[in-house]
Protein backbone atom coordinates (compact mmCIF):
# COMPACT_ATOMS: atom_id res chain seq x y z
CA MET A 1 -52.93 -3.01 -43.69
CA LYS A 2 -51.01 -6.18 -42.96
CA ARG A 3 -48.15 -5.03 -45.08
CA LYS A 4 -47.95 -1.67 -43.11
CA LEU A 5 -47.83 -3.67 -39.79
CA VAL A 6 -44.97 -5.78 -41.01
CA PHE A 7 -43.10 -2.69 -42.27
CA ALA A 8 -43.52 -0.87 -38.99
CA SER A 9 -42.58 -3.95 -37.00
CA GLY A 10 -39.42 -4.14 -39.15
CA LEU A 11 -38.73 -0.42 -38.60
CA LEU A 12 -39.06 -0.98 -34.79
CA PHE A 13 -36.72 -3.96 -34.97
CA VAL A 14 -34.07 -1.88 -36.83
CA ALA A 15 -34.41 1.00 -34.44
CA ILE A 16 -33.99 -1.44 -31.41
CA ALA A 17 -30.92 -3.13 -33.12
CA SER A 18 -29.38 0.28 -33.89
CA ALA A 19 -29.71 1.49 -30.36
CA GLY A 20 -28.10 -1.75 -29.08
CA LEU A 21 -25.25 -1.50 -31.63
CA LEU A 22 -24.72 2.19 -30.60
CA GLY A 23 -24.43 1.26 -26.98
CA CYS A 24 -21.73 -1.39 -27.80
CA ALA A 25 -19.82 1.04 -29.86
CA THR A 26 -19.52 3.60 -27.16
CA ARG A 27 -18.59 1.03 -24.35
CA SER A 28 -14.93 0.78 -23.38
CA GLU A 29 -13.24 -2.55 -24.17
CA ARG A 30 -11.37 -2.17 -20.82
CA PRO A 31 -12.86 -3.41 -17.54
CA GLU A 32 -14.76 -0.74 -15.61
CA GLU A 33 -12.46 1.58 -13.77
CA PHE A 34 -12.99 1.97 -10.11
CA ASP A 35 -13.17 5.21 -8.30
CA THR A 36 -9.95 5.97 -6.41
CA GLY A 37 -11.19 9.24 -5.02
CA PHE A 38 -8.08 10.97 -6.41
CA THR A 39 -8.64 14.12 -8.38
CA ALA A 40 -6.56 14.51 -11.68
CA ILE A 41 -4.35 17.47 -11.45
CA ARG A 42 -2.21 17.06 -14.68
CA THR A 43 0.34 19.84 -14.36
CA GLU A 44 4.01 19.60 -15.35
CA THR A 45 5.02 17.89 -12.09
CA LEU A 46 1.76 17.00 -10.22
CA PHE A 47 -0.40 14.05 -11.35
CA SER A 48 -3.31 13.69 -8.87
CA ALA A 49 -4.38 14.37 -5.25
CA ARG A 50 -6.87 13.38 -2.71
CA TYR A 51 -7.99 15.04 0.53
CA TYR A 52 -9.22 13.05 3.52
CA GLU A 53 -11.59 15.33 5.55
CA SER A 54 -11.46 12.86 8.48
CA ASP A 55 -7.95 13.73 9.59
CA GLY A 56 -6.91 16.63 7.22
CA THR A 57 -4.46 14.45 5.22
CA LEU A 58 -3.73 15.59 1.70
CA VAL A 59 -2.02 12.90 -0.50
CA VAL A 60 -0.30 14.27 -3.63
CA VAL A 61 1.07 12.07 -6.42
CA ARG A 62 3.67 13.63 -8.52
CA ARG A 63 4.23 12.71 -12.29
CA ASN A 64 7.53 11.00 -11.32
CA GLY A 65 5.73 8.53 -9.09
CA ASP A 66 6.56 10.06 -5.83
CA VAL A 67 3.80 10.25 -3.45
CA PHE A 68 3.57 12.86 -0.54
CA GLU A 69 1.39 13.13 2.40
CA TYR A 70 0.58 16.32 4.17
CA ARG A 71 -1.03 16.24 7.70
CA GLU A 72 -3.56 18.29 9.34
CA VAL A 73 -4.16 20.44 6.19
CA PRO A 74 -7.14 22.82 6.87
CA ALA A 75 -10.20 21.84 4.66
CA ALA A 76 -10.36 25.44 3.35
CA LEU A 77 -6.77 25.36 2.11
CA ALA A 78 -7.25 21.87 0.42
CA GLU A 79 -10.47 23.33 -1.27
CA GLN A 80 -8.33 26.29 -2.47
CA PHE A 81 -5.67 23.92 -3.98
CA PHE A 82 -8.21 21.93 -5.87
CA ARG A 83 -9.96 25.07 -7.26
CA ALA A 84 -6.79 26.92 -7.91
CA GLU A 85 -6.24 28.07 -11.51
CA ASP A 86 -2.52 27.33 -11.10
CA ARG A 87 -2.59 24.25 -8.96
CA GLU A 88 1.17 23.78 -9.39
CA GLY A 89 1.95 27.20 -8.03
CA PHE A 90 -0.50 26.87 -5.27
CA TYR A 91 1.06 23.57 -4.30
CA ARG A 92 4.60 25.13 -4.34
CA ASP A 93 3.62 28.23 -2.44
CA HIS A 94 1.29 26.86 0.12
CA LEU A 95 1.80 23.14 0.63
CA GLN A 96 5.25 21.74 -0.50
CA GLY A 97 7.53 21.53 2.47
CA ARG A 98 4.75 22.30 4.94
CA PHE A 99 2.21 20.34 7.13
CA GLY A 100 4.49 17.57 8.16
CA GLU A 101 5.32 16.63 4.46
CA SER A 102 6.44 12.99 4.24
CA LYS A 103 7.22 10.88 1.12
CA ALA A 104 5.44 7.57 0.99
CA ASP A 105 4.71 4.56 -1.23
CA LEU A 106 0.96 4.98 -2.23
CA SER A 107 0.22 1.46 -0.91
CA GLU A 108 1.77 2.35 2.45
CA THR A 109 -0.05 5.74 3.08
CA SER A 110 -2.20 5.84 6.26
CA HIS A 111 -5.14 5.88 3.83
CA ALA A 112 -4.19 2.97 1.56
CA GLN A 113 -7.45 1.12 2.39
CA ASP A 114 -9.77 4.11 2.01
């Protein structure tokens, strides 16, 4: 009986140790990433975007590093952009050159602190 208890205890230890090692193996070595609120777009020219419902500002980051703000974009249009199958085409056809488009440095946008 004592032998079975020792064996069962050993199995429990192995199971706990394995679970701990498995958790370590799946963790990233990088520091935890913080949520910027930006949605990855990943098209040929677009990188990411974020919509601010409070004032209807859409911030779009292009792959070349340029950052553009679009003011007073209707929420429904922003939602269509994020859900579009062809986001690049939607951006080009419905947003680019409209809504008070202005080029900005991401750290200098009106929402840099949000």
